[in-house]
PDB file of N, CA and C in Angstrom:
ATOM      1  N   UNK A   1     -77.592 -36.222  49.848  1.00  0.00           N
ATOM      2  CA  UNK A   1     -76.533 -35.366  49.904  1.00  0.00           C
ATOM      3  C   UNK A   1     -76.980 -33.923  49.513  1.00  0.00           C
ATOM      4  N   UNK A   2     -76.342 -32.958  50.329  1.00  0.00           N
ATOM      5  CA  UNK A   2     -76.594 -31.640  50.056  1.00  0.00           C
ATOM      6  C   UNK A   2     -75.735 -31.299  48.939  1.00  0.00           C
ATOM      7  N   UNK A   3     -76.168 -30.275  48.189  1.00  0.00           N
ATOM      8  CA  UNK A   3     -75.445 -29.735  46.990  1.00  0.00           C
ATOM      9  C   UNK A   3     -74.030 -29.165  47.386  1.00  0.00           C
ATOM     10  N   UNK A   4     -74.205 -28.356  48.585  1.00  0.00           N
ATOM     11  CA  UNK A   4     -72.978 -27.721  48.983  1.00  0.00           C
ATOM     12  C   UNK A   4     -71.909 -28.738  49.605  1.00  0.00           C
ATOM     13  N   UNK A   5     -72.326 -29.930  49.900  1.00  0.00           N
ATOM     14  CA  UNK A   5     -71.321 -30.800  50.499  1.00  0.00           C
ATOM     15  C   UNK A   5     -70.668 -31.490  49.475  1.00  0.00           C
ATOM     16  N   UNK A   6     -71.054 -31.496  48.170  1.00  0.00           N
ATOM     17  CA  UNK A   6     -70.344 -32.214  47.069  1.00  0.00           C
ATOM     18  C   UNK A   6     -69.172 -31.255  46.846  1.00  0.00           C
ATOM     19  N   UNK A   7     -67.968 -32.101  46.664  1.00  0.00           N
ATOM     20  CA  UNK A   7     -66.732 -31.468  46.342  1.00  0.00           C
ATOM     21  C   UNK A   7     -66.499 -31.654  44.918  1.00  0.00           C
ATOM     22  N   UNK A   8     -66.273 -30.462  44.187  1.00  0.00           N
ATOM     23  CA  UNK A   8     -65.962 -30.592  42.742  1.00  0.00           C
ATOM     24  C   UNK A   8     -64.455 -30.848  42.625  1.00  0.00           C
ATOM     25  N   UNK A   9     -64.154 -32.083  41.979  1.00  0.00           N
ATOM     26  CA  UNK A   9     -62.768 -32.373  42.016  1.00  0.00           C
ATOM     27  C   UNK A   9     -61.988 -31.374  40.948  1.00  0.00           C
ATOM     28  N   UNK A  10     -62.678 -30.880  39.850  1.00  0.00           N
ATOM     29  CA  UNK A  10     -61.949 -30.020  39.010  1.00  0.00           C
ATOM     30  C   UNK A  10     -61.742 -28.650  39.591  1.00  0.00           C
ATOM     31  N   UNK A  11     -62.658 -28.221  40.438  1.00  0.00           N
ATOM     32  CA  UNK A  11     -62.507 -26.955  41.213  1.00  0.00           C
ATOM     33  C   UNK A  11     -61.245 -27.030  42.151  1.00  0.00           C
ATOM     34  N   UNK A  12     -61.093 -28.207  42.884  1.00  0.00           N
ATOM     35  CA  UNK A  12     -60.136 -28.567  43.881  1.00  0.00           C
ATOM     36  C   UNK A  12     -58.815 -28.608  43.059  1.00  0.00           C
ATOM     37  N   UNK A  13     -58.723 -29.172  41.810  1.00  0.00           N
ATOM     38  CA  UNK A  13     -57.583 -29.333  41.119  1.00  0.00           C
ATOM     39  C   UNK A  13     -57.211 -27.887  40.569  1.00  0.00           C
ATOM     40  N   UNK A  14     -58.111 -27.123  40.252  1.00  0.00           N
ATOM     41  CA  UNK A  14     -57.809 -25.683  39.688  1.00  0.00           C
ATOM     42  C   UNK A  14     -57.183 -24.898  40.869  1.00  0.00           C
ATOM     43  N   UNK A  15     -57.653 -25.095  42.014  1.00  0.00           N
ATOM     44  CA  UNK A  15     -57.180 -24.236  43.190  1.00  0.00           C
ATOM     45  C   UNK A  15     -55.794 -24.619  43.539  1.00  0.00           C
ATOM     46  N   UNK A  16     -55.611 -26.012  43.582  1.00  0.00           N
ATOM     47  CA  UNK A  16     -54.188 -26.486  43.835  1.00  0.00           C
ATOM     48  C   UNK A  16     -53.210 -25.967  42.733  1.00  0.00           C
ATOM     49  N   UNK A  17     -53.715 -25.995  41.456  1.00  0.00           N
ATOM     50  CA  UNK A  17     -52.791 -25.440  40.356  1.00  0.00           C
ATOM     51  C   UNK A  17     -52.495 -23.975  40.642  1.00  0.00           C
ATOM     52  N   UNK A  18     -53.430 -23.250  40.918  1.00  0.00           N
ATOM     53  CA  UNK A  18     -53.275 -21.738  41.127  1.00  0.00           C
ATOM     54  C   UNK A  18     -52.413 -21.557  42.256  1.00  0.00           C
ATOM     55  N   UNK A  19     -52.436 -22.317  43.332  1.00  0.00           N
ATOM     56  CA  UNK A  19     -51.569 -22.159  44.447  1.00  0.00           C
ATOM     57  C   UNK A  19     -50.255 -22.428  44.101  1.00  0.00           C
ATOM     58  N   UNK A  20     -49.898 -23.562  43.260  1.00  0.00           N
ATOM     59  CA  UNK A  20     -48.562 -23.953  42.820  1.00  0.00           C
ATOM     60  C   UNK A  20     -48.021 -22.877  41.925  1.00  0.00           C
ATOM     61  N   UNK A  21     -48.717 -22.269  41.000  1.00  0.00           N
ATOM     62  CA  UNK A  21     -48.379 -21.255  40.212  1.00  0.00           C
ATOM     63  C   UNK A  21     -47.947 -19.933  40.976  1.00  0.00           C
ATOM     64  N   UNK A  22     -48.698 -19.610  41.950  1.00  0.00           N
ATOM     65  CA  UNK A  22     -48.247 -18.512  42.843  1.00  0.00           C
ATOM     66  C   UNK A  22     -47.008 -18.748  43.580  1.00  0.00           C
ATOM     67  N   UNK A  23     -46.847 -19.931  43.946  1.00  0.00           N
ATOM     68  CA  UNK A  23     -45.506 -20.291  44.697  1.00  0.00           C
ATOM     69  C   UNK A  23     -44.241 -20.306  43.740  1.00  0.00           C
ATOM     70  N   UNK A  24     -44.447 -20.478  42.416  1.00  0.00           N
ATOM     71  CA  UNK A  24     -43.430 -20.496  41.496  1.00  0.00           C
ATOM     72  C   UNK A  24     -43.150 -19.211  40.924  1.00  0.00           C
ATOM     73  N   UNK A  25     -44.068 -18.241  40.955  1.00  0.00           N
ATOM     74  CA  UNK A  25     -43.777 -16.911  40.498  1.00  0.00           C
ATOM     75  C   UNK A  25     -42.703 -16.237  41.317  1.00  0.00           C
ATOM     76  N   UNK A  26     -41.835 -15.450  40.626  1.00  0.00           N
ATOM     77  CA  UNK A  26     -40.797 -14.697  41.328  1.00  0.00           C
ATOM     78  C   UNK A  26     -41.421 -13.736  42.283  1.00  0.00           C
ATOM     79  N   UNK A  27     -40.876 -13.579  43.471  1.00  0.00           N
ATOM     80  CA  UNK A  27     -41.333 -12.581  44.271  1.00  0.00           C
ATOM     81  C   UNK A  27     -40.911 -11.156  44.039  1.00  0.00           C
ATOM     82  N   UNK A  28     -41.398 -10.270  44.503  1.00  0.00           N
ATOM     83  CA  UNK A  28     -41.152  -8.742  44.206  1.00  0.00           C
ATOM     84  C   UNK A  28     -39.678  -8.360  44.837  1.00  0.00           C
ATOM     85  N   UNK A  29     -39.276  -9.268  45.662  1.00  0.00           N
ATOM     86  CA  UNK A  29     -37.875  -9.054  46.335  1.00  0.00           C
ATOM     87  C   UNK A  29     -36.802  -8.902  45.219  1.00  0.00           C
ATOM     88  N   UNK A  30     -35.730  -8.038  45.413  1.00  0.00           N
ATOM     89  CA  UNK A  30     -34.681  -8.025  44.432  1.00  0.00           C
ATOM     90  C   UNK A  30     -33.840  -9.327  44.637  1.00  0.00           C
ATOM     91  N   UNK A  31     -33.283  -9.855  43.595  1.00  0.00           N
ATOM     92  CA  UNK A  31     -32.441 -11.001  43.752  1.00  0.00           C
ATOM     93  C   UNK A  31     -31.140 -10.545  44.355  1.00  0.00           C
ATOM     94  N   UNK A  32     -30.586 -11.499  45.272  1.00  0.00           N
ATOM     95  CA  UNK A  32     -29.287 -11.129  45.837  1.00  0.00           C
ATOM     96  C   UNK A  32     -28.198 -11.021  44.718  1.00  0.00           C
ATOM     97  N   UNK A  33     -27.328 -10.149  45.033  1.00  0.00           N
ATOM     98  CA  UNK A  33     -26.281  -9.991  44.060  1.00  0.00           C
ATOM     99  C   UNK A  33     -25.269 -11.255  44.123  1.00  0.00           C
ATOM    100  N   UNK A  34     -24.920 -11.838  43.016  1.00  0.00           N
ATOM    101  CA  UNK A  34     -23.966 -12.907  43.055  1.00  0.00           C
ATOM    102  C   UNK A  34     -22.571 -12.345  43.156  1.00  0.00           C
ATOM    103  N   UNK A  35     -21.532 -13.045  43.742  1.00  0.00           N
ATOM    104  CA  UNK A  35     -20.393 -12.638  43.876  1.00  0.00           C
ATOM    105  C   UNK A  35     -19.621 -12.833  42.429  1.00  0.00           C
ATOM    106  N   UNK A  36     -19.243 -11.731  41.886  1.00  0.00           N
ATOM    107  CA  UNK A  36     -18.528 -11.703  40.583  1.00  0.00           C
ATOM    108  C   UNK A  36     -16.947 -11.756  40.529  1.00  0.00           C
ATOM    109  N   UNK A  37     -16.571 -11.689  41.813  1.00  0.00           N
ATOM    110  CA  UNK A  37     -14.945 -11.615  41.927  1.00  0.00           C
ATOM    111  C   UNK A  37     -14.429 -12.968  41.405  1.00  0.00           C
ATOM    112  N   UNK A  38     -15.080 -14.148  41.738  1.00  0.00           N
ATOM    113  CA  UNK A  38     -14.550 -15.362  41.289  1.00  0.00           C
ATOM    114  C   UNK A  38     -14.561 -15.542  39.914  1.00  0.00           C
ATOM    115  N   UNK A  39     -15.561 -15.039  39.243  1.00  0.00           N
ATOM    116  CA  UNK A  39     -15.734 -15.144  37.867  1.00  0.00           C
ATOM    117  C   UNK A  39     -14.784 -14.211  37.088  1.00  0.00           C
ATOM    118  N   UNK A  40     -14.519 -13.007  37.644  1.00  0.00           N
ATOM    119  CA  UNK A  40     -13.462 -12.076  37.131  1.00  0.00           C
ATOM    120  C   UNK A  40     -12.095 -12.718  37.310  1.00  0.00           C
ATOM    121  N   UNK A  41     -11.763 -13.333  38.372  1.00  0.00           N
ATOM    122  CA  UNK A  41     -10.452 -13.973  38.623  1.00  0.00           C
ATOM    123  C   UNK A  41     -10.297 -15.039  37.508  1.00  0.00           C
ATOM    124  N   UNK A  42     -11.231 -15.837  37.251  1.00  0.00           N
ATOM    125  CA  UNK A  42     -11.164 -16.906  36.349  1.00  0.00           C
ATOM    126  C   UNK A  42     -10.868 -16.367  34.820  1.00  0.00           C
ATOM    127  N   UNK A  43     -11.629 -15.198  34.622  1.00  0.00           N
ATOM    128  CA  UNK A  43     -11.496 -14.525  33.263  1.00  0.00           C
ATOM    129  C   UNK A  43     -10.039 -14.030  33.188  1.00  0.00           C
ATOM    130  N   UNK A  44      -9.440 -13.374  34.264  1.00  0.00           N
ATOM    131  CA  UNK A  44      -8.039 -12.913  34.125  1.00  0.00           C
ATOM    132  C   UNK A  44      -7.099 -14.056  33.985  1.00  0.00           C
ATOM    133  N   UNK A  45      -7.434 -15.093  34.745  1.00  0.00           N
ATOM    134  CA  UNK A  45      -6.496 -16.322  34.754  1.00  0.00           C
ATOM    135  C   UNK A  45      -6.501 -16.897  33.207  1.00  0.00           C
ATOM    136  N   UNK A  46      -7.634 -16.988  32.653  1.00  0.00           N
ATOM    137  CA  UNK A  46      -7.684 -17.562  31.377  1.00  0.00           C
ATOM    138  C   UNK A  46      -7.033 -16.689  30.297  1.00  0.00           C
ATOM    139  N   UNK A  47      -7.252 -15.434  30.346  1.00  0.00           N
ATOM    140  CA  UNK A  47      -6.601 -14.454  29.541  1.00  0.00           C
ATOM    141  C   UNK A  47      -5.173 -14.315  29.554  1.00  0.00           C
ATOM    142  N   UNK A  48      -4.750 -14.301  30.877  1.00  0.00           N
ATOM    143  CA  UNK A  48      -3.248 -14.326  31.049  1.00  0.00           C
ATOM    144  C   UNK A  48      -2.516 -15.633  30.624  1.00  0.00           C
ATOM    145  N   UNK A  49      -3.121 -16.946  30.921  1.00  0.00           N
ATOM    146  CA  UNK A  49      -2.482 -18.011  30.460  1.00  0.00           C
ATOM    147  C   UNK A  49      -2.390 -18.021  28.907  1.00  0.00           C
ATOM    148  N   UNK A  50      -3.512 -17.484  28.297  1.00  0.00           N
ATOM    149  CA  UNK A  50      -3.298 -17.510  26.696  1.00  0.00           C
ATOM    150  C   UNK A  50      -2.297 -16.535  26.280  1.00  0.00           C
ATOM    151  N   UNK A  51      -2.278 -15.371  26.780  1.00  0.00           N
ATOM    152  CA  UNK A  51      -1.197 -14.306  26.487  1.00  0.00           C
ATOM    153  C   UNK A  51       0.170 -14.697  26.683  1.00  0.00           C
ATOM    154  N   UNK A  52       0.383 -15.192  27.935  1.00  0.00           N
ATOM    155  CA  UNK A  52       1.769 -15.462  28.346  1.00  0.00           C
ATOM    156  C   UNK A  52       2.308 -16.725  27.593  1.00  0.00           C
ATOM    157  N   UNK A  53       1.445 -17.615  27.166  1.00  0.00           N
ATOM    158  CA  UNK A  53       1.869 -18.811  26.443  1.00  0.00           C
ATOM    159  C   UNK A  53       2.288 -18.299  24.898  1.00  0.00           C
ATOM    160  N   UNK A  54       1.510 -17.304  24.480  1.00  0.00           N
ATOM    161  CA  UNK A  54       1.990 -16.794  23.087  1.00  0.00           C
ATOM    162  C   UNK A  54       3.183 -16.036  23.229  1.00  0.00           C
ATOM    163  N   UNK A  55       3.452 -15.183  24.231  1.00  0.00           N
ATOM    164  CA  UNK A  55       4.717 -14.337  24.423  1.00  0.00           C
ATOM    165  C   UNK A  55       5.870 -15.169  24.538  1.00  0.00           C
ATOM    166  N   UNK A  56       5.702 -16.190  25.489  1.00  0.00           N
ATOM    167  CA  UNK A  56       6.781 -17.213  25.718  1.00  0.00           C
ATOM    168  C   UNK A  56       7.170 -17.868  24.483  1.00  0.00           C
ATOM    169  N   UNK A  57       6.268 -18.367  23.785  1.00  0.00           N
ATOM    170  CA  UNK A  57       6.523 -18.994  22.537  1.00  0.00           C
ATOM    171  C   UNK A  57       7.286 -18.210  21.440  1.00  0.00           C
ATOM    172  N   UNK A  58       6.814 -16.895  21.479  1.00  0.00           N
ATOM    173  CA  UNK A  58       7.472 -16.019  20.478  1.00  0.00           C
ATOM    174  C   UNK A  58       8.884 -15.765  20.854  1.00  0.00           C
ATOM    175  N   UNK A  59       9.152 -15.648  22.153  1.00  0.00           N
ATOM    176  CA  UNK A  59      10.547 -15.174  22.649  1.00  0.00           C
ATOM    177  C   UNK A  59      11.550 -16.458  22.485  1.00  0.00           C
ATOM    178  N   UNK A  60      10.904 -17.553  22.618  1.00  0.00           N
ATOM    179  CA  UNK A  60      11.665 -18.761  22.282  1.00  0.00           C
ATOM    180  C   UNK A  60      12.124 -18.974  20.947  1.00  0.00           C
ATOM    181  N   UNK A  61      11.118 -18.668  20.080  1.00  0.00           N
ATOM    182  CA  UNK A  61      11.383 -18.578  18.660  1.00  0.00           C
ATOM    183  C   UNK A  61      12.449 -17.555  18.252  1.00  0.00           C
ATOM    184  N   UNK A  62      12.328 -16.379  18.984  1.00  0.00           N
ATOM    185  CA  UNK A  62      13.355 -15.300  18.679  1.00  0.00           C
ATOM    186  C   UNK A  62      14.714 -15.736  19.131  1.00  0.00           C
ATOM    187  N   UNK A  63      14.804 -16.432  20.286  1.00  0.00           N
ATOM    188  CA  UNK A  63      16.054 -16.947  20.726  1.00  0.00           C
ATOM    189  C   UNK A  63      16.633 -18.030  19.893  1.00  0.00           C
ATOM    190  N   UNK A  64      15.891 -18.903  19.273  1.00  0.00           N
ATOM    191  CA  UNK A  64      16.225 -19.878  18.356  1.00  0.00           C
ATOM    192  C   UNK A  64      16.750 -19.274  17.093  1.00  0.00           C
ATOM    193  N   UNK A  65      15.998 -18.206  16.592  1.00  0.00           N
ATOM    194  CA  UNK A  65      16.458 -17.651  15.328  1.00  0.00           C
ATOM    195  C   UNK A  65      17.799 -17.004  15.540  1.00  0.00           C
ATOM    196  N   UNK A  66      18.046 -16.315  16.682  1.00  0.00           N
ATOM    197  CA  UNK A  66      19.300 -15.638  16.977  1.00  0.00           C
ATOM    198  C   UNK A  66      20.478 -16.718  16.954  1.00  0.00           C
ATOM    199  N   UNK A  67      20.199 -17.798  17.580  1.00  0.00           N
ATOM    200  CA  UNK A  67      21.145 -18.862  17.714  1.00  0.00           C
ATOM    201  C   UNK A  67      21.534 -19.470  16.465  1.00  0.00           C
ATOM    202  N   UNK A  68      20.464 -19.845  15.732  1.00  0.00           N
ATOM    203  CA  UNK A  68      20.664 -20.604  14.400  1.00  0.00           C
ATOM    204  C   UNK A  68      20.676 -19.684  13.190  1.00  0.00           C
ATOM    205  N   UNK A  69      20.323 -18.394  13.337  1.00  0.00           N
ATOM    206  CA  UNK A  69      20.216 -17.587  12.124  1.00  0.00           C
ATOM    207  C   UNK A  69      19.129 -17.766  11.098  1.00  0.00           C
ATOM    208  N   UNK A  70      18.064 -18.246  11.556  1.00  0.00           N
ATOM    209  CA  UNK A  70      16.977 -18.716  10.709  1.00  0.00           C
ATOM    210  C   UNK A  70      15.732 -17.627  10.710  1.00  0.00           C
ATOM    211  N   UNK A  71      16.071 -16.518  11.033  1.00  0.00           N
ATOM    212  CA  UNK A  71      15.024 -15.486  11.176  1.00  0.00           C
ATOM    213  C   UNK A  71      14.228 -15.452   9.908  1.00  0.00           C
ATOM    214  N   UNK A  72      12.946 -15.401   9.940  1.00  0.00           N
ATOM    215  CA  UNK A  72      11.872 -15.388  10.965  1.00  0.00           C
ATOM    216  C   UNK A  72      11.138 -16.650  11.255  1.00  0.00           C
ATOM    217  N   UNK A  73      11.767 -17.726  10.786  1.00  0.00           N
ATOM    218  CA  UNK A  73      10.992 -19.042  10.765  1.00  0.00           C
ATOM    219  C   UNK A  73      10.856 -19.452  12.276  1.00  0.00           C
ATOM    220  N   UNK A  74      11.751 -19.395  13.126  1.00  0.00           N
ATOM    221  CA  UNK A  74      11.564 -19.808  14.451  1.00  0.00           C
ATOM    222  C   UNK A  74      10.558 -19.027  15.232  1.00  0.00           C
ATOM    223  N   UNK A  75      10.581 -17.743  15.074  1.00  0.00           N
ATOM    224  CA  UNK A  75       9.563 -16.826  15.661  1.00  0.00           C
ATOM    225  C   UNK A  75       8.035 -17.238  15.168  1.00  0.00           C
ATOM    226  N   UNK A  76       7.941 -17.471  13.853  1.00  0.00           N
ATOM    227  CA  UNK A  76       6.731 -17.849  13.321  1.00  0.00           C
ATOM    228  C   UNK A  76       6.218 -19.233  13.910  1.00  0.00           C
ATOM    229  N   UNK A  77       7.126 -20.168  13.879  1.00  0.00           N
ATOM    230  CA  UNK A  77       6.735 -21.592  14.344  1.00  0.00           C
ATOM    231  C   UNK A  77       6.405 -21.577  15.814  1.00  0.00           C
ATOM    232  N   UNK A  78       7.358 -20.929  16.575  1.00  0.00           N
ATOM    233  CA  UNK A  78       7.115 -20.994  18.010  1.00  0.00           C
ATOM    234  C   UNK A  78       5.829 -20.108  18.430  1.00  0.00           C
ATOM    235  N   UNK A  79       5.659 -19.117  17.750  1.00  0.00           N
ATOM    236  CA  UNK A  79       4.410 -18.310  17.995  1.00  0.00           C
ATOM    237  C   UNK A  79       3.202 -19.183  17.837  1.00  0.00           C
ATOM    238  N   UNK A  80       2.998 -19.984  16.740  1.00  0.00           N
ATOM    239  CA  UNK A  80       1.867 -20.889  16.705  1.00  0.00           C
ATOM    240  C   UNK A  80       1.787 -21.972  17.724  1.00  0.00           C
ATOM    241  N   UNK A  81       3.100 -22.436  18.107  1.00  0.00           N
ATOM    242  CA  UNK A  81       3.087 -23.389  19.202  1.00  0.00           C
ATOM    243  C   UNK A  81       2.743 -22.736  20.474  1.00  0.00           C
ATOM    244  N   UNK A  82       3.035 -21.513  20.712  1.00  0.00           N
ATOM    245  CA  UNK A  82       2.583 -20.816  21.757  1.00  0.00           C
ATOM    246  C   UNK A  82       1.110 -20.678  21.979  1.00  0.00           C
ATOM    247  N   UNK A  83       0.486 -20.389  20.773  1.00  0.00           N
ATOM    248  CA  UNK A  83      -0.968 -20.243  20.634  1.00  0.00           C
ATOM    249  C   UNK A  83      -1.690 -21.490  20.997  1.00  0.00           C
ATOM    250  N   UNK A  84      -1.081 -22.667  20.463  1.00  0.00           N
ATOM    251  CA  UNK A  84      -1.626 -23.921  20.672  1.00  0.00           C
ATOM    252  C   UNK A  84      -1.518 -24.329  22.174  1.00  0.00           C
ATOM    253  N   UNK A  85      -0.354 -24.008  22.709  1.00  0.00           N
ATOM    254  CA  UNK A  85      -0.137 -24.273  24.212  1.00  0.00           C
ATOM    255  C   UNK A  85      -1.145 -23.537  25.110  1.00  0.00           C
ATOM    256  N   UNK A  86      -1.284 -22.167  24.665  1.00  0.00           N
ATOM    257  CA  UNK A  86      -2.288 -21.404  25.436  1.00  0.00           C
ATOM    258  C   UNK A  86      -3.655 -21.973  25.307  1.00  0.00           C
ATOM    259  N   UNK A  87      -4.109 -22.336  24.172  1.00  0.00           N
ATOM    260  CA  UNK A  87      -5.525 -23.057  23.993  1.00  0.00           C
ATOM    261  C   UNK A  87      -5.605 -24.194  24.812  1.00  0.00           C
ATOM    262  N   UNK A  88      -4.563 -25.016  24.793  1.00  0.00           N
ATOM    263  CA  UNK A  88      -4.666 -26.150  25.618  1.00  0.00           C
ATOM    264  C   UNK A  88      -4.771 -25.876  27.038  1.00  0.00           C
ATOM    265  N   UNK A  89      -4.067 -24.843  27.542  1.00  0.00           N
ATOM    266  CA  UNK A  89      -4.127 -24.385  28.960  1.00  0.00           C
ATOM    267  C   UNK A  89      -5.530 -23.848  29.257  1.00  0.00           C
ATOM    268  N   UNK A  90      -6.232 -23.084  28.415  1.00  0.00           N
ATOM    269  CA  UNK A  90      -7.453 -22.671  28.504  1.00  0.00           C
ATOM    270  C   UNK A  90      -8.535 -23.825  28.661  1.00  0.00           C
ATOM    271  N   UNK A  91      -8.329 -24.795  27.747  1.00  0.00           N
ATOM    272  CA  UNK A  91      -9.239 -25.890  27.694  1.00  0.00           C
ATOM    273  C   UNK A  91      -9.076 -26.663  28.971  1.00  0.00           C
ATOM    274  N   UNK A  92      -7.907 -26.906  29.482  1.00  0.00           N
ATOM    275  CA  UNK A  92      -7.701 -27.706  30.682  1.00  0.00           C
ATOM    276  C   UNK A  92      -8.289 -26.891  31.799  1.00  0.00           C
ATOM    277  N   UNK A  93      -8.193 -25.609  31.856  1.00  0.00           N
ATOM    278  CA  UNK A  93      -8.850 -24.722  32.941  1.00  0.00           C
ATOM    279  C   UNK A  93     -10.282 -24.865  32.936  1.00  0.00           C
ATOM    280  N   UNK A  94     -10.864 -24.731  31.699  1.00  0.00           N
ATOM    281  CA  UNK A  94     -12.343 -24.671  31.686  1.00  0.00           C
ATOM    282  C   UNK A  94     -12.838 -26.182  31.991  1.00  0.00           C
ATOM    283  N   UNK A  95     -12.169 -27.202  31.558  1.00  0.00           N
ATOM    284  CA  UNK A  95     -12.614 -28.559  31.942  1.00  0.00           C
ATOM    285  C   UNK A  95     -12.542 -28.882  33.311  1.00  0.00           C
ATOM    286  N   UNK A  96     -11.678 -28.289  34.039  1.00  0.00           N
ATOM    287  CA  UNK A  96     -11.489 -28.519  35.482  1.00  0.00           C
ATOM    288  C   UNK A  96     -12.382 -27.795  36.495  1.00  0.00           C
ATOM    289  N   UNK A  97     -13.346 -27.010  35.877  1.00  0.00           N
ATOM    290  CA  UNK A  97     -14.113 -26.165  36.690  1.00  0.00           C
ATOM    291  C   UNK A  97     -14.957 -26.895  37.601  1.00  0.00           C
ATOM    292  N   UNK A  98     -15.208 -26.651  38.804  1.00  0.00           N
ATOM    293  CA  UNK A  98     -16.021 -27.284  39.788  1.00  0.00           C
ATOM    294  C   UNK A  98     -15.373 -28.486  40.321  1.00  0.00           C
ATOM    295  N   UNK A  99     -14.189 -28.772  40.087  1.00  0.00           N
ATOM    296  CA  UNK A  99     -13.536 -29.938  40.644  1.00  0.00           C
ATOM    297  C   UNK A  99     -12.353 -29.404  41.650  1.00  0.00           C
ATOM    298  N   UNK A 100     -12.279 -30.231  42.695  1.00  0.00           N
ATOM    299  CA  UNK A 100     -11.310 -29.958  43.760  1.00  0.00           C
ATOM    300  C   UNK A 100      -9.911 -30.112  43.304  1.00  0.00           C
ATOM    301  N   UNK A 101      -8.934 -29.390  43.966  1.00  0.00           N
ATOM    302  CA  UNK A 101      -7.655 -29.424  43.493  1.00  0.00           C
ATOM    303  C   UNK A 101      -7.046 -30.865  43.823  1.00  0.00           C
ATOM    304  N   UNK A 102      -6.256 -31.486  42.909  1.00  0.00           N
ATOM    305  CA  UNK A 102      -5.716 -32.621  42.902  1.00  0.00           C
ATOM    306  C   UNK A 102      -6.575 -33.750  42.510  1.00  0.00           C
ATOM    307  N   UNK A 103      -7.690 -33.535  41.919  1.00  0.00           N
ATOM    308  CA  UNK A 103      -8.628 -34.479  41.279  1.00  0.00           C
ATOM    309  C   UNK A 103      -8.678 -34.316  39.765  1.00  0.00           C
ATOM    310  N   UNK A 104      -8.932 -35.450  39.215  1.00  0.00           N
ATOM    311  CA  UNK A 104      -9.175 -35.497  37.630  1.00  0.00           C
ATOM    312  C   UNK A 104     -10.284 -36.218  37.282  1.00  0.00           C
ATOM    313  N   UNK A 105     -10.841 -35.896  36.132  1.00  0.00           N
ATOM    314  CA  UNK A 105     -11.925 -36.731  35.645  1.00  0.00           C
ATOM    315  C   UNK A 105     -11.586 -38.178  35.297  1.00  0.00           C
ATOM    316  N   UNK A 106     -12.352 -39.162  35.784  1.00  0.00           N
ATOM    317  CA  UNK A 106     -12.208 -40.421  35.449  1.00  0.00           C
ATOM    318  C   UNK A 106     -12.323 -40.695  34.047  1.00  0.00           C
ATOM    319  N   UNK A 107     -11.427 -41.470  33.285  1.00  0.00           N
ATOM    320  CA  UNK A 107     -11.636 -41.718  32.005  1.00  0.00           C
ATOM    321  C   UNK A 107     -12.976 -42.574  31.668  1.00  0.00           C
ATOM    322  N   UNK A 108     -13.770 -42.074  30.729  1.00  0.00           N
ATOM    323  CA  UNK A 108     -14.900 -42.838  30.355  1.00  0.00           C
ATOM    324  C   UNK A 108     -16.147 -42.697  31.161  1.00  0.00           C
ATOM    325  N   UNK A 109     -15.995 -42.432  32.449  1.00  0.00           N
ATOM    326  CA  UNK A 109     -17.194 -42.331  33.294  1.00  0.00           C
ATOM    327  C   UNK A 109     -17.672 -41.032  33.595  1.00  0.00           C
ATOM    328  N   UNK A 110     -16.760 -39.927  33.397  1.00  0.00           N
ATOM    329  CA  UNK A 110     -17.060 -38.619  33.694  1.00  0.00           C
ATOM    330  C   UNK A 110     -17.202 -38.160  35.215  1.00  0.00           C
ATOM    331  N   UNK A 111     -16.572 -39.036  35.998  1.00  0.00           N
ATOM    332  CA  UNK A 111     -16.508 -38.778  37.486  1.00  0.00           C
ATOM    333  C   UNK A 111     -15.149 -38.348  37.851  1.00  0.00           C
ATOM    334  N   UNK A 112     -15.036 -37.827  39.020  1.00  0.00           N
ATOM    335  CA  UNK A 112     -13.741 -37.440  39.553  1.00  0.00           C
ATOM    336  C   UNK A 112     -13.017 -38.637  40.166  1.00  0.00           C
ATOM    337  N   UNK A 113     -11.806 -38.796  39.953  1.00  0.00           N
ATOM    338  CA  UNK A 113     -10.973 -39.855  40.570  1.00  0.00           C
ATOM    339  C   UNK A 113      -9.888 -39.318  41.236  1.00  0.00           C
ATOM    340  N   UNK A 114      -9.434 -39.893  42.356  1.00  0.00           N
ATOM    341  CA  UNK A 114      -8.271 -39.408  43.100  1.00  0.00           C
ATOM    342  C   UNK A 114      -6.977 -39.730  42.257  1.00  0.00           C
ATOM    343  N   UNK A 115      -6.026 -38.768  42.294  1.00  0.00           N
ATOM    344  CA  UNK A 115      -4.734 -38.999  41.643  1.00  0.00           C
ATOM    345  C   UNK A 115      -3.840 -40.122  42.107  1.00  0.00           C
ATOM    346  N   UNK A 116      -4.218 -40.513  43.474  1.00  0.00           N
ATOM    347  CA  UNK A 116      -3.324 -41.521  44.152  1.00  0.00           C
ATOM    348  C   UNK A 116      -3.784 -42.870  43.707  1.00  0.00           C
ATOM    349  N   UNK A 117      -5.010 -43.088  43.271  1.00  0.00           N
ATOM    350  CA  UNK A 117      -5.600 -44.409  42.863  1.00  0.00           C
ATOM    351  C   UNK A 117      -4.868 -44.794  41.602  1.00  0.00           C
ATOM    352  N   UNK A 118      -4.349 -46.066  41.616  1.00  0.00           N
ATOM    353  CA  UNK A 118      -3.742 -46.592  40.392  1.00  0.00           C
ATOM    354  C   UNK A 118      -4.854 -46.775  39.325  1.00  0.00           C
ATOM    355  N   UNK A 119      -4.489 -46.789  38.089  1.00  0.00           N
ATOM    356  CA  UNK A 119      -5.378 -47.069  36.962  1.00  0.00           C
ATOM    357  C   UNK A 119      -5.553 -48.485  36.888  1.00  0.00           C
ATOM    358  N   UNK A 120      -6.738 -48.984  36.276  1.00  0.00           N
ATOM    359  CA  UNK A 120      -6.987 -50.324  36.265  1.00  0.00           C
ATOM    360  C   UNK A 120      -6.078 -51.141  35.560  1.00  0.00           C
ATOM    361  N   UNK A 121      -5.441 -50.537  34.437  1.00  0.00           N
ATOM    362  CA  UNK A 121      -4.506 -51.244  33.580  1.00  0.00           C
ATOM    363  C   UNK A 121      -3.062 -51.237  34.232  1.00  0.00           C
ATOM    364  N   UNK A 122      -2.778 -50.450  35.294  1.00  0.00           N
ATOM    365  CA  UNK A 122      -1.458 -50.480  35.967  1.00  0.00           C
ATOM    366  C   UNK A 122      -1.258 -51.714  36.827  1.00  0.00           C
ATOM    367  N   UNK A 123      -2.363 -52.223  37.320  1.00  0.00           N
ATOM    368  CA  UNK A 123      -2.222 -53.477  38.275  1.00  0.00           C
ATOM    369  C   UNK A 123      -2.285 -53.117  39.725  1.00  0.00           C
TER     370      UNK A 123
END
């Protein structure tokens, strides 16, 4: 065998690794701009849900205080109930990201299940 005909397996492996590394490197092209309007809309939705829940809770407390004469305890209590309701709304919104409307996560399996399907314990 001629020396030139021998194929060095390490050199061949090195060449393939270099080729793979070149393919993985980011190109000099600028990355396409991602659509930020949906992220902005989600941020507004989450913020408004939290703020509106707090305001509604406060005004319900104010109305209860005027009706029962218990000022300021109704305002304080319903304010915190509004904060809790707002946080629950935000949590539900964030948990439902990436899911189609009308679907919910299946209990225990982490998959989406149709609302119309009866639960296993309902028969």
